[in-house]
Amino acid sequence: MLGSGNSLLRLEGTKNPGTILSLTGLCAAILVLLVALFPYQAVAQSARPGDRSTFAPREVVNAGHKFFGTVSRGLALTIEEATRRWGEPNGYILGQEASGAFFGGLRYGEGVLYTRNAGDRKVFWQGPSVGFDWGGDGARTMMLVYQLQRVDDIYSRFVGIDGSAYFVGGFGLTALTAQEIVVVPIRSGVGARLGVNVGYLKFTDQATWNPF
């Protein structure tokens, strides 16, 4: 019994400095681990698809395939090019457009603006198209919208070079700007537009024949 007591005393005597130090180190390691994990958890939660304010390229491509009624590599490449230049859009428009010109003409269209968090909005657009412009088209049009702070900000006049800045597989991409907002029309349809079309598009909440 005494031997057991001495052993116990020796064990207890060596327990305090070493074991307490080990427990302190273990607690510190656990604390560091928890602190390190919290930021990653926060990032993971903020990156959930439901929390996004922009549309990933895959989402835009899927919406475009449904809208244009075909699975096209040309559309995917065009959206990929837009993503490379301007990033992910926080809105997009699906609509119908008609125009025709020889040297100068008019363009009209209507569609729906889709956003991630601000709902959908009916939009109309009009504008002159001036330049070396052959043919006429009645085309389904998809427009990617960037840096849109408020939905009503889309109702403005966007100026740019409206030509075949990028063309592949039957799809053409151009860009127009107003303030810090960028609108990138992606067109496909009957007719051909060649050259540089210098003009603008004016977006309104109601249909109008006045392009100015």
N, C-alpha and C. Protein backbone atom coordinates (compact mmCIF):
# COMPACT_ATOMS: atom_id res chain seq x y z
N MET A 1 0.83 -1.21 0.00
CA MET A 1 0.00 0.00 0.00
C MET A 1 0.85 1.25 0.00
N LEU A 2 1.92 1.20 0.81
CA LEU A 2 2.80 2.37 0.86
C LEU A 2 3.49 2.59 -0.48
N GLY A 3 3.90 1.41 -1.04
CA GLY A 3 4.53 1.55 -2.36
C GLY A 3 3.60 2.19 -3.36
N SER A 4 2.35 1.79 -3.28
CA SER A 4 1.38 2.38 -4.22
C SER A 4 1.21 3.85 -3.96
N GLY A 5 1.23 4.22 -2.63
CA GLY A 5 1.09 5.64 -2.32
C GLY A 5 2.26 6.44 -2.81
N ASN A 6 3.49 5.90 -2.65
CA ASN A 6 4.66 6.62 -3.15
C ASN A 6 4.59 6.82 -4.65
N SER A 7 4.14 5.74 -5.33
CA SER A 7 4.01 5.85 -6.79
C SER A 7 3.02 6.93 -7.17
N LEU A 8 1.90 6.96 -6.40
CA LEU A 8 0.89 7.96 -6.68
C LEU A 8 1.42 9.36 -6.45
N LEU A 9 2.21 9.50 -5.32
CA LEU A 9 2.79 10.81 -5.04
C LEU A 9 3.78 11.23 -6.12
N ARG A 10 4.56 10.25 -6.55
CA ARG A 10 5.52 10.58 -7.61
C ARG A 10 4.81 10.98 -8.90
N LEU A 11 3.71 10.24 -9.18
CA LEU A 11 2.95 10.54 -10.39
C LEU A 11 2.33 11.93 -10.32
N GLU A 12 1.76 12.21 -9.10
CA GLU A 12 1.14 13.52 -8.94
C GLU A 12 2.19 14.63 -8.95
N GLY A 13 3.36 14.30 -8.39
CA GLY A 13 4.41 15.30 -8.36
C GLY A 13 4.90 15.67 -9.73
N THR A 14 4.91 14.72 -10.63
CA THR A 14 5.37 15.02 -11.99
C THR A 14 4.24 15.46 -12.89
N LYS A 15 3.03 15.36 -12.38
CA LYS A 15 1.87 15.68 -13.22
C LYS A 15 1.72 17.19 -13.42
N ASN A 16 1.91 17.94 -12.38
CA ASN A 16 1.58 19.37 -12.43
C ASN A 16 2.33 20.14 -13.51
N PRO A 17 3.67 20.14 -13.51
CA PRO A 17 4.35 20.98 -14.49
C PRO A 17 4.19 20.50 -15.91
N GLY A 18 4.40 19.19 -16.13
CA GLY A 18 4.38 18.69 -17.51
C GLY A 18 2.99 18.62 -18.08
N THR A 19 2.05 18.06 -17.31
CA THR A 19 0.69 17.87 -17.82
C THR A 19 -0.02 19.20 -18.02
N ILE A 20 0.15 20.11 -17.06
CA ILE A 20 -0.48 21.42 -17.20
C ILE A 20 0.05 22.15 -18.43
N LEU A 21 1.36 22.01 -18.65
CA LEU A 21 1.96 22.63 -19.84
C LEU A 21 1.39 22.03 -21.11
N SER A 22 1.23 20.69 -21.08
CA SER A 22 0.67 20.02 -22.25
C SER A 22 -0.76 20.45 -22.50
N LEU A 23 -1.56 20.54 -21.42
CA LEU A 23 -2.95 20.97 -21.57
C LEU A 23 -3.03 22.40 -22.09
N THR A 24 -2.14 23.25 -21.60
CA THR A 24 -2.12 24.64 -22.08
C THR A 24 -1.81 24.70 -23.57
N GLY A 25 -0.82 23.91 -23.98
CA GLY A 25 -0.48 23.87 -25.41
C GLY A 25 -1.61 23.33 -26.25
N LEU A 26 -2.32 22.30 -25.71
CA LEU A 26 -3.43 21.71 -26.44
C LEU A 26 -4.57 22.72 -26.60
N CYS A 27 -4.87 23.43 -25.52
CA CYS A 27 -5.93 24.45 -25.59
C CYS A 27 -5.58 25.55 -26.59
N ALA A 28 -4.32 25.95 -26.56
CA ALA A 28 -3.88 26.99 -27.50
C ALA A 28 -4.00 26.51 -28.93
N ALA A 29 -3.65 25.26 -29.17
CA ALA A 29 -3.74 24.71 -30.53
C ALA A 29 -5.18 24.65 -31.00
N ILE A 30 -6.09 24.23 -30.08
CA ILE A 30 -7.51 24.16 -30.44
C ILE A 30 -8.05 25.56 -30.75
N LEU A 31 -7.64 26.55 -29.95
CA LEU A 31 -8.09 27.92 -30.17
C LEU A 31 -7.63 28.46 -31.51
N VAL A 32 -6.37 28.19 -31.84
CA VAL A 32 -5.84 28.63 -33.14
C VAL A 32 -6.58 27.96 -34.27
N LEU A 33 -6.90 26.67 -34.10
CA LEU A 33 -7.61 25.93 -35.14
C LEU A 33 -9.01 26.49 -35.35
N LEU A 34 -9.71 26.80 -34.25
CA LEU A 34 -11.06 27.36 -34.36
C LEU A 34 -11.04 28.72 -35.04
N VAL A 35 -10.08 29.55 -34.65
CA VAL A 35 -9.97 30.88 -35.27
C VAL A 35 -9.69 30.77 -36.75
N ALA A 36 -8.87 29.78 -37.11
CA ALA A 36 -8.54 29.60 -38.52
C ALA A 36 -9.72 29.09 -39.32
N LEU A 37 -10.58 28.30 -38.67
CA LEU A 37 -11.70 27.70 -39.40
C LEU A 37 -12.82 28.69 -39.64
N PHE A 38 -13.04 29.66 -38.73
CA PHE A 38 -14.17 30.56 -38.86
C PHE A 38 -14.16 31.37 -40.15
N PRO A 39 -13.02 31.95 -40.58
CA PRO A 39 -13.03 32.70 -41.84
C PRO A 39 -13.42 31.85 -43.03
N TYR A 40 -12.90 30.60 -43.06
CA TYR A 40 -13.22 29.73 -44.18
C TYR A 40 -14.70 29.38 -44.18
N GLN A 41 -15.26 29.20 -42.99
CA GLN A 41 -16.68 28.90 -42.90
C GLN A 41 -17.50 30.08 -43.39
N ALA A 42 -17.07 31.30 -43.02
CA ALA A 42 -17.78 32.50 -43.47
C ALA A 42 -17.71 32.66 -44.97
N VAL A 43 -16.52 32.39 -45.55
CA VAL A 43 -16.37 32.49 -47.00
C VAL A 43 -17.25 31.47 -47.69
N ALA A 44 -17.27 30.25 -47.16
CA ALA A 44 -18.08 29.19 -47.76
C ALA A 44 -19.55 29.56 -47.72
N GLN A 45 -20.01 30.17 -46.61
CA GLN A 45 -21.40 30.55 -46.52
C GLN A 45 -21.72 31.68 -47.47
N SER A 46 -20.82 32.67 -47.62
CA SER A 46 -21.09 33.80 -48.50
C SER A 46 -21.03 33.41 -49.96
N ALA A 47 -20.41 32.27 -50.27
CA ALA A 47 -20.27 31.85 -51.66
C ALA A 47 -21.38 30.91 -52.09
N ARG A 48 -22.39 30.70 -51.22
CA ARG A 48 -23.47 29.83 -51.61
C ARG A 48 -24.21 30.41 -52.80
N PRO A 49 -24.67 29.56 -53.75
CA PRO A 49 -25.32 30.07 -54.96
C PRO A 49 -26.48 31.00 -54.66
N GLY A 50 -27.25 30.73 -53.61
CA GLY A 50 -28.40 31.56 -53.30
C GLY A 50 -28.03 32.96 -52.86
N ASP A 51 -26.79 33.16 -52.46
CA ASP A 51 -26.34 34.47 -51.98
C ASP A 51 -25.68 35.29 -53.08
N ARG A 52 -25.52 34.75 -54.28
CA ARG A 52 -24.82 35.46 -55.34
C ARG A 52 -25.66 36.61 -55.86
N SER A 53 -25.00 37.67 -56.27
CA SER A 53 -25.68 38.78 -56.92
C SER A 53 -25.40 38.79 -58.42
N THR A 54 -24.49 37.95 -58.88
CA THR A 54 -24.16 37.85 -60.30
C THR A 54 -24.53 36.47 -60.82
N PHE A 55 -24.50 36.35 -62.14
CA PHE A 55 -24.82 35.08 -62.79
C PHE A 55 -23.54 34.44 -63.31
N ALA A 56 -23.33 33.19 -62.96
CA ALA A 56 -22.16 32.46 -63.44
C ALA A 56 -22.31 32.19 -64.94
N PRO A 57 -21.19 32.04 -65.66
CA PRO A 57 -21.27 31.78 -67.10
C PRO A 57 -22.16 30.59 -67.44
N ARG A 58 -22.10 29.54 -66.63
CA ARG A 58 -22.91 28.35 -66.90
C ARG A 58 -24.40 28.69 -66.86
N GLU A 59 -24.81 29.53 -65.90
CA GLU A 59 -26.21 29.93 -65.81
C GLU A 59 -26.64 30.74 -67.03
N VAL A 60 -25.77 31.65 -67.47
CA VAL A 60 -26.09 32.48 -68.63
C VAL A 60 -26.18 31.62 -69.89
N VAL A 61 -25.26 30.68 -70.03
CA VAL A 61 -25.27 29.79 -71.20
C VAL A 61 -26.54 28.96 -71.21
N ASN A 62 -26.94 28.41 -70.07
CA ASN A 62 -28.16 27.60 -70.00
C ASN A 62 -29.39 28.43 -70.34
N ALA A 63 -29.45 29.66 -69.82
CA ALA A 63 -30.57 30.54 -70.14
C ALA A 63 -30.59 30.87 -71.63
N GLY A 64 -29.41 31.08 -72.21
CA GLY A 64 -29.32 31.38 -73.63
C GLY A 64 -29.73 30.21 -74.50
N HIS A 65 -29.32 29.01 -74.12
CA HIS A 65 -29.70 27.82 -74.89
C HIS A 65 -31.21 27.64 -74.90
N LYS A 66 -31.85 27.85 -73.75
CA LYS A 66 -33.31 27.73 -73.69
C LYS A 66 -33.97 28.82 -74.52
N PHE A 67 -33.42 30.02 -74.47
CA PHE A 67 -34.03 31.16 -75.16
C PHE A 67 -33.88 31.03 -76.67
N PHE A 68 -32.69 30.72 -77.13
CA PHE A 68 -32.45 30.60 -78.56
C PHE A 68 -32.95 29.27 -79.12
N GLY A 69 -33.29 28.33 -78.25
CA GLY A 69 -33.87 27.07 -78.68
C GLY A 69 -32.88 26.09 -79.26
N THR A 70 -31.61 26.28 -78.97
CA THR A 70 -30.61 25.36 -79.49
C THR A 70 -29.39 25.38 -78.59
N VAL A 71 -28.71 24.26 -78.55
CA VAL A 71 -27.45 24.18 -77.82
C VAL A 71 -26.33 24.51 -78.79
N SER A 72 -25.73 25.67 -78.62
CA SER A 72 -24.76 26.17 -79.60
C SER A 72 -23.42 26.42 -78.95
N ARG A 73 -22.39 25.91 -79.56
CA ARG A 73 -21.03 26.19 -79.10
C ARG A 73 -20.69 27.65 -79.34
N GLY A 74 -21.26 28.22 -80.41
CA GLY A 74 -21.02 29.63 -80.71
C GLY A 74 -21.51 30.54 -79.59
N LEU A 75 -22.70 30.24 -79.04
CA LEU A 75 -23.22 31.03 -77.94
C LEU A 75 -22.33 30.89 -76.71
N ALA A 76 -21.91 29.67 -76.41
CA ALA A 76 -21.05 29.45 -75.25
C ALA A 76 -19.73 30.21 -75.39
N LEU A 77 -19.15 30.21 -76.58
CA LEU A 77 -17.90 30.92 -76.80
C LEU A 77 -18.08 32.43 -76.70
N THR A 78 -19.23 32.92 -77.18
CA THR A 78 -19.50 34.35 -77.11
C THR A 78 -19.65 34.81 -75.66
N ILE A 79 -20.38 34.04 -74.87
CA ILE A 79 -20.55 34.37 -73.45
C ILE A 79 -19.21 34.25 -72.72
N GLU A 80 -18.42 33.27 -73.11
CA GLU A 80 -17.09 33.12 -72.51
C GLU A 80 -16.22 34.35 -72.79
N GLU A 81 -16.33 34.88 -74.00
CA GLU A 81 -15.57 36.08 -74.36
C GLU A 81 -16.04 37.29 -73.54
N ALA A 82 -17.37 37.41 -73.38
CA ALA A 82 -17.90 38.51 -72.58
C ALA A 82 -17.44 38.40 -71.13
N THR A 83 -17.43 37.19 -70.60
CA THR A 83 -16.97 36.98 -69.22
C THR A 83 -15.50 37.33 -69.07
N ARG A 84 -14.72 37.01 -70.08
CA ARG A 84 -13.29 37.33 -70.04
C ARG A 84 -13.06 38.84 -69.99
N ARG A 85 -13.91 39.59 -70.70
CA ARG A 85 -13.71 41.04 -70.77
C ARG A 85 -14.32 41.79 -69.59
N TRP A 86 -15.54 41.40 -69.22
CA TRP A 86 -16.26 42.20 -68.23
C TRP A 86 -16.62 41.45 -66.95
N GLY A 87 -16.33 40.18 -66.86
CA GLY A 87 -16.66 39.43 -65.66
C GLY A 87 -18.07 38.85 -65.73
N GLU A 88 -18.64 38.58 -64.55
CA GLU A 88 -19.98 38.01 -64.47
C GLU A 88 -21.02 39.13 -64.42
N PRO A 89 -22.10 39.03 -65.20
CA PRO A 89 -23.13 40.06 -65.19
C PRO A 89 -24.02 39.93 -63.96
N ASN A 90 -24.60 41.05 -63.53
CA ASN A 90 -25.58 40.96 -62.45
C ASN A 90 -27.01 41.12 -62.97
N GLY A 91 -27.14 41.02 -64.29
CA GLY A 91 -28.45 41.00 -64.93
C GLY A 91 -28.31 40.60 -66.38
N TYR A 92 -29.42 40.15 -66.98
CA TYR A 92 -29.41 39.88 -68.42
C TYR A 92 -30.81 40.08 -68.97
N ILE A 93 -30.86 40.44 -70.25
CA ILE A 93 -32.12 40.72 -70.94
C ILE A 93 -32.32 39.68 -72.03
N LEU A 94 -33.52 39.15 -72.11
CA LEU A 94 -33.90 38.26 -73.20
C LEU A 94 -35.05 38.93 -73.95
N GLY A 95 -34.88 39.11 -75.27
CA GLY A 95 -35.92 39.80 -76.01
C GLY A 95 -35.81 39.61 -77.50
N GLN A 96 -36.65 40.35 -78.20
CA GLN A 96 -36.74 40.29 -79.66
C GLN A 96 -36.40 41.65 -80.23
N GLU A 97 -35.65 41.66 -81.29
CA GLU A 97 -35.20 42.91 -81.89
C GLU A 97 -35.41 42.88 -83.39
N ALA A 98 -35.76 44.03 -83.96
CA ALA A 98 -35.92 44.14 -85.40
C ALA A 98 -35.26 45.42 -85.87
N SER A 99 -34.56 45.34 -86.98
CA SER A 99 -33.93 46.54 -87.55
C SER A 99 -33.56 46.25 -88.98
N GLY A 100 -33.30 47.31 -89.71
CA GLY A 100 -32.86 47.15 -91.08
C GLY A 100 -32.34 48.46 -91.60
N ALA A 101 -31.27 48.41 -92.37
CA ALA A 101 -30.68 49.65 -92.85
C ALA A 101 -29.77 49.37 -94.03
N PHE A 102 -29.59 50.40 -94.83
CA PHE A 102 -28.56 50.31 -95.86
C PHE A 102 -27.38 51.19 -95.45
N PHE A 103 -27.66 52.46 -95.22
CA PHE A 103 -26.59 53.32 -94.70
C PHE A 103 -26.94 53.84 -93.30
N GLY A 104 -28.19 53.96 -93.04
CA GLY A 104 -28.63 54.38 -91.71
C GLY A 104 -30.02 53.82 -91.48
N GLY A 105 -30.38 53.59 -90.22
CA GLY A 105 -31.68 53.01 -89.94
C GLY A 105 -32.01 53.07 -88.47
N LEU A 106 -33.05 52.34 -88.12
CA LEU A 106 -33.54 52.33 -86.75
C LEU A 106 -33.56 50.90 -86.21
N ARG A 107 -33.50 50.81 -84.89
CA ARG A 107 -33.54 49.52 -84.22
C ARG A 107 -34.54 49.59 -83.07
N TYR A 108 -35.41 48.58 -82.99
CA TYR A 108 -36.40 48.52 -81.92
C TYR A 108 -36.39 47.12 -81.32
N GLY A 109 -36.69 47.06 -80.05
CA GLY A 109 -36.76 45.76 -79.40
C GLY A 109 -37.51 45.82 -78.09
N GLU A 110 -37.86 44.66 -77.59
CA GLU A 110 -38.49 44.56 -76.28
C GLU A 110 -38.13 43.23 -75.65
N GLY A 111 -38.11 43.21 -74.34
CA GLY A 111 -37.73 41.99 -73.64
C GLY A 111 -37.93 42.13 -72.15
N VAL A 112 -37.31 41.23 -71.41
CA VAL A 112 -37.41 41.21 -69.95
C VAL A 112 -36.01 41.22 -69.36
N LEU A 113 -35.80 42.12 -68.39
CA LEU A 113 -34.55 42.17 -67.65
C LEU A 113 -34.66 41.25 -66.44
N TYR A 114 -33.75 40.31 -66.34
CA TYR A 114 -33.71 39.37 -65.21
C TYR A 114 -32.55 39.73 -64.29
N THR A 115 -32.84 39.79 -62.99
CA THR A 115 -31.79 40.04 -62.00
C THR A 115 -31.83 38.95 -60.94
N ARG A 116 -30.76 38.86 -60.18
CA ARG A 116 -30.69 37.83 -59.16
C ARG A 116 -31.55 38.16 -57.94
N ASN A 117 -31.49 39.41 -57.49
CA ASN A 117 -32.11 39.77 -56.22
C ASN A 117 -33.18 40.85 -56.32
N ALA A 118 -33.32 41.48 -57.49
CA ALA A 118 -34.24 42.62 -57.61
C ALA A 118 -35.44 42.32 -58.49
N GLY A 119 -35.67 41.06 -58.84
CA GLY A 119 -36.83 40.71 -59.63
C GLY A 119 -36.61 40.94 -61.12
N ASP A 120 -37.70 40.83 -61.88
CA ASP A 120 -37.67 40.98 -63.33
C ASP A 120 -38.38 42.27 -63.73
N ARG A 121 -38.00 42.80 -64.88
CA ARG A 121 -38.57 44.07 -65.32
C ARG A 121 -38.71 44.08 -66.84
N LYS A 122 -39.87 44.52 -67.34
CA LYS A 122 -40.09 44.65 -68.77
C LYS A 122 -39.31 45.85 -69.29
N VAL A 123 -38.63 45.68 -70.41
CA VAL A 123 -37.85 46.77 -70.99
C VAL A 123 -38.10 46.85 -72.49
N PHE A 124 -37.99 48.06 -73.00
CA PHE A 124 -38.06 48.32 -74.44
C PHE A 124 -36.82 49.11 -74.81
N TRP A 125 -36.37 48.94 -76.04
CA TRP A 125 -35.22 49.74 -76.47
C TRP A 125 -35.39 50.20 -77.90
N GLN A 126 -34.82 51.36 -78.17
CA GLN A 126 -34.89 51.98 -79.49
C GLN A 126 -33.55 52.65 -79.74
N GLY A 127 -33.27 52.89 -81.01
CA GLY A 127 -32.06 53.63 -81.30
C GLY A 127 -31.74 53.66 -82.77
N PRO A 128 -31.06 54.71 -83.20
CA PRO A 128 -30.59 54.77 -84.58
C PRO A 128 -29.36 53.91 -84.74
N SER A 129 -29.15 53.45 -85.93
CA SER A 129 -27.94 52.70 -86.25
C SER A 129 -27.38 53.32 -87.51
N VAL A 130 -26.23 53.95 -87.40
CA VAL A 130 -25.64 54.69 -88.52
C VAL A 130 -24.30 54.08 -88.86
N GLY A 131 -24.10 53.77 -90.14
CA GLY A 131 -22.83 53.19 -90.53
C GLY A 131 -23.01 52.35 -91.78
N PHE A 132 -22.00 51.62 -92.14
CA PHE A 132 -22.08 50.73 -93.29
C PHE A 132 -22.76 49.45 -92.83
N ASP A 133 -24.03 49.35 -93.18
CA ASP A 133 -24.90 48.41 -92.51
C ASP A 133 -25.81 47.76 -93.55
N TRP A 134 -25.52 46.52 -93.93
CA TRP A 134 -26.32 45.87 -94.96
C TRP A 134 -27.24 44.83 -94.33
N GLY A 135 -28.43 44.73 -94.95
CA GLY A 135 -29.32 43.67 -94.52
C GLY A 135 -30.27 44.13 -93.44
N GLY A 136 -31.22 43.27 -93.15
CA GLY A 136 -32.17 43.54 -92.07
C GLY A 136 -32.30 42.30 -91.24
N ASP A 137 -32.65 42.45 -89.99
CA ASP A 137 -32.77 41.25 -89.17
C ASP A 137 -33.92 41.38 -88.19
N GLY A 138 -34.51 40.24 -87.92
CA GLY A 138 -35.48 40.12 -86.85
C GLY A 138 -34.91 39.08 -85.93
N ALA A 139 -34.21 39.51 -84.92
CA ALA A 139 -33.36 38.59 -84.17
C ALA A 139 -33.76 38.50 -82.72
N ARG A 140 -33.63 37.30 -82.19
CA ARG A 140 -33.67 37.13 -80.75
C ARG A 140 -32.37 37.69 -80.18
N THR A 141 -32.51 38.43 -79.12
CA THR A 141 -31.35 39.13 -78.58
C THR A 141 -31.20 38.86 -77.09
N MET A 142 -29.99 38.56 -76.70
CA MET A 142 -29.65 38.40 -75.28
C MET A 142 -28.66 39.50 -74.94
N MET A 143 -28.91 40.22 -73.85
CA MET A 143 -28.01 41.28 -73.43
C MET A 143 -27.52 41.00 -72.02
N LEU A 144 -26.23 41.05 -71.83
CA LEU A 144 -25.65 40.91 -70.51
C LEU A 144 -25.48 42.30 -69.91
N VAL A 145 -25.82 42.46 -68.65
CA VAL A 145 -25.80 43.76 -67.99
C VAL A 145 -24.82 43.71 -66.82
N TYR A 146 -23.93 44.69 -66.78
CA TYR A 146 -22.89 44.73 -65.75
C TYR A 146 -22.99 46.03 -64.94
N GLN A 147 -22.68 45.93 -63.65
CA GLN A 147 -22.61 47.08 -62.75
C GLN A 147 -23.93 47.83 -62.63
N LEU A 148 -25.03 47.09 -62.68
CA LEU A 148 -26.35 47.71 -62.53
C LEU A 148 -26.66 47.82 -61.03
N GLN A 149 -26.65 49.04 -60.50
CA GLN A 149 -26.87 49.25 -59.07
C GLN A 149 -28.35 49.20 -58.71
N ARG A 150 -29.20 49.79 -59.54
CA ARG A 150 -30.65 49.76 -59.33
C ARG A 150 -31.30 49.35 -60.64
N VAL A 151 -32.43 48.64 -60.55
CA VAL A 151 -33.09 48.16 -61.76
C VAL A 151 -33.49 49.32 -62.66
N ASP A 152 -33.97 50.42 -62.07
CA ASP A 152 -34.41 51.56 -62.88
C ASP A 152 -33.27 52.24 -63.62
N ASP A 153 -32.03 51.96 -63.24
CA ASP A 153 -30.89 52.56 -63.92
C ASP A 153 -30.75 52.06 -65.36
N ILE A 154 -31.44 50.96 -65.68
CA ILE A 154 -31.36 50.44 -67.05
C ILE A 154 -32.06 51.39 -68.02
N TYR A 155 -33.00 52.21 -67.51
CA TYR A 155 -33.73 53.12 -68.37
C TYR A 155 -32.87 54.35 -68.64
N SER A 156 -31.97 54.19 -69.57
CA SER A 156 -31.01 55.24 -69.89
C SER A 156 -30.59 55.08 -71.34
N ARG A 157 -29.71 55.95 -71.78
CA ARG A 157 -29.19 55.89 -73.15
C ARG A 157 -27.77 55.35 -73.12
N PHE A 158 -27.56 54.27 -73.84
CA PHE A 158 -26.27 53.59 -73.84
C PHE A 158 -25.59 53.81 -75.19
N VAL A 159 -24.38 54.29 -75.14
CA VAL A 159 -23.64 54.64 -76.35
C VAL A 159 -22.48 53.68 -76.52
N GLY A 160 -22.20 53.33 -77.76
CA GLY A 160 -21.06 52.46 -78.00
C GLY A 160 -20.85 52.19 -79.47
N ILE A 161 -19.99 51.27 -79.77
CA ILE A 161 -19.75 50.82 -81.14
C ILE A 161 -20.58 49.57 -81.35
N ASP A 162 -21.62 49.72 -82.15
CA ASP A 162 -22.57 48.63 -82.34
C ASP A 162 -22.22 47.88 -83.61
N GLY A 163 -21.18 47.08 -83.56
CA GLY A 163 -20.77 46.32 -84.73
C GLY A 163 -20.38 44.92 -84.32
N SER A 164 -19.81 44.20 -85.24
CA SER A 164 -19.40 42.83 -84.95
C SER A 164 -18.03 42.83 -84.28
N ALA A 165 -18.01 43.29 -83.05
CA ALA A 165 -16.76 43.31 -82.30
C ALA A 165 -16.25 41.90 -82.04
N TYR A 166 -17.19 40.96 -81.93
CA TYR A 166 -16.82 39.56 -81.75
C TYR A 166 -17.91 38.74 -82.41
N PHE A 167 -17.52 37.82 -83.27
CA PHE A 167 -18.50 37.03 -84.01
C PHE A 167 -18.00 35.60 -84.14
N VAL A 168 -18.84 34.64 -83.74
CA VAL A 168 -18.47 33.24 -83.86
C VAL A 168 -19.73 32.38 -83.89
N GLY A 169 -19.75 31.43 -84.80
CA GLY A 169 -20.84 30.46 -84.85
C GLY A 169 -22.22 31.05 -84.97
N GLY A 170 -22.37 32.16 -85.69
CA GLY A 170 -23.68 32.76 -85.88
C GLY A 170 -24.11 33.71 -84.79
N PHE A 171 -23.24 34.00 -83.84
CA PHE A 171 -23.55 34.93 -82.76
C PHE A 171 -22.58 36.10 -82.79
N GLY A 172 -23.13 37.31 -82.58
CA GLY A 172 -22.30 38.51 -82.56
C GLY A 172 -22.40 39.21 -81.22
N LEU A 173 -21.32 39.82 -80.79
CA LEU A 173 -21.24 40.50 -79.50
C LEU A 173 -20.78 41.93 -79.71
N THR A 174 -21.46 42.88 -79.06
CA THR A 174 -21.05 44.28 -79.07
C THR A 174 -21.16 44.81 -77.64
N ALA A 175 -20.79 46.06 -77.43
CA ALA A 175 -20.85 46.63 -76.08
C ALA A 175 -21.28 48.08 -76.13
N LEU A 176 -22.12 48.47 -75.16
CA LEU A 176 -22.56 49.86 -75.01
C LEU A 176 -22.44 50.23 -73.54
N THR A 177 -22.25 51.52 -73.28
CA THR A 177 -22.06 51.95 -71.89
C THR A 177 -22.88 53.20 -71.59
N ALA A 178 -23.23 53.35 -70.31
CA ALA A 178 -23.86 54.55 -69.77
C ALA A 178 -23.45 54.63 -68.32
N GLN A 179 -22.82 55.75 -67.95
CA GLN A 179 -22.25 55.88 -66.62
C GLN A 179 -21.27 54.73 -66.41
N GLU A 180 -21.46 53.93 -65.37
CA GLU A 180 -20.58 52.79 -65.14
C GLU A 180 -21.21 51.48 -65.58
N ILE A 181 -22.42 51.54 -66.12
CA ILE A 181 -23.13 50.33 -66.55
C ILE A 181 -22.66 49.94 -67.94
N VAL A 182 -22.50 48.65 -68.15
CA VAL A 182 -22.13 48.12 -69.46
C VAL A 182 -23.21 47.14 -69.89
N VAL A 183 -23.71 47.31 -71.11
CA VAL A 183 -24.68 46.38 -71.70
C VAL A 183 -24.03 45.73 -72.91
N VAL A 184 -24.06 44.42 -72.95
CA VAL A 184 -23.42 43.66 -74.02
C VAL A 184 -24.48 42.86 -74.77
N PRO A 185 -24.98 43.37 -75.91
CA PRO A 185 -25.94 42.60 -76.70
C PRO A 185 -25.26 41.42 -77.40
N ILE A 186 -25.92 40.28 -77.35
CA ILE A 186 -25.50 39.09 -78.09
C ILE A 186 -26.64 38.75 -79.03
N ARG A 187 -26.39 38.85 -80.33
CA ARG A 187 -27.46 38.71 -81.30
C ARG A 187 -27.27 37.49 -82.18
N SER A 188 -28.42 36.95 -82.58
CA SER A 188 -28.45 35.86 -83.55
C SER A 188 -29.76 35.96 -84.30
N GLY A 189 -29.72 35.79 -85.61
CA GLY A 189 -30.96 35.86 -86.35
C GLY A 189 -30.71 35.94 -87.84
N VAL A 190 -31.80 36.20 -88.55
CA VAL A 190 -31.74 36.28 -90.00
C VAL A 190 -31.16 37.63 -90.40
N GLY A 191 -30.37 37.66 -91.44
CA GLY A 191 -29.78 38.90 -91.91
C GLY A 191 -28.35 39.02 -91.47
N ALA A 192 -27.64 39.91 -92.13
CA ALA A 192 -26.23 40.11 -91.81
C ALA A 192 -25.97 41.58 -91.58
N ARG A 193 -25.15 41.86 -90.59
CA ARG A 193 -24.73 43.23 -90.33
C ARG A 193 -23.23 43.27 -90.43
N LEU A 194 -22.75 44.08 -91.34
CA LEU A 194 -21.32 44.15 -91.57
C LEU A 194 -20.82 45.55 -91.26
N GLY A 195 -19.60 45.64 -90.84
CA GLY A 195 -18.98 46.93 -90.59
C GLY A 195 -19.22 47.44 -89.19
N VAL A 196 -19.01 48.73 -89.03
CA VAL A 196 -19.12 49.38 -87.73
C VAL A 196 -20.39 50.22 -87.71
N ASN A 197 -21.28 49.93 -86.77
CA ASN A 197 -22.52 50.67 -86.64
C ASN A 197 -22.40 51.61 -85.44
N VAL A 198 -22.21 52.87 -85.69
CA VAL A 198 -22.06 53.82 -84.61
C VAL A 198 -23.45 54.34 -84.25
N GLY A 199 -23.90 54.08 -83.05
CA GLY A 199 -25.22 54.52 -82.64
C GLY A 199 -25.38 54.37 -81.15
N TYR A 200 -26.61 54.24 -80.71
CA TYR A 200 -26.87 54.05 -79.29
C TYR A 200 -28.18 53.29 -79.14
N LEU A 201 -28.42 52.82 -77.95
CA LEU A 201 -29.70 52.22 -77.60
C LEU A 201 -30.26 52.96 -76.40
N LYS A 202 -31.54 53.31 -76.50
CA LYS A 202 -32.23 53.97 -75.39
C LYS A 202 -33.24 52.98 -74.81
N PHE A 203 -33.11 52.69 -73.53
CA PHE A 203 -34.01 51.76 -72.86
C PHE A 203 -35.12 52.54 -72.16
N THR A 204 -36.37 52.08 -72.32
CA THR A 204 -37.53 52.71 -71.69
C THR A 204 -38.40 51.64 -71.05
N ASP A 205 -39.33 52.11 -70.20
CA ASP A 205 -40.25 51.16 -69.55
C ASP A 205 -41.54 51.00 -70.33
N GLN A 206 -41.69 51.75 -71.43
CA GLN A 206 -42.86 51.64 -72.29
C GLN A 206 -42.42 51.68 -73.74
N ALA A 207 -43.22 51.07 -74.60
CA ALA A 207 -42.90 51.07 -76.03
C ALA A 207 -43.05 52.48 -76.60
N THR A 208 -42.14 52.87 -77.46
CA THR A 208 -42.21 54.16 -78.13
C THR A 208 -41.53 54.05 -79.49
N TRP A 209 -42.02 54.85 -80.44
CA TRP A 209 -41.41 54.87 -81.76
C TRP A 209 -40.31 55.91 -81.85
N ASN A 210 -40.17 56.71 -80.82
CA ASN A 210 -39.17 57.78 -80.83
C ASN A 210 -37.83 57.24 -80.37
N PRO A 211 -36.84 57.18 -81.25
CA PRO A 211 -35.55 56.62 -80.85
C PRO A 211 -34.63 57.64 -80.19
N PHE A 212 -35.10 58.90 -80.03
CA PHE A 212 -34.21 59.96 -79.53
C PHE A 212 -34.55 60.33 -78.09
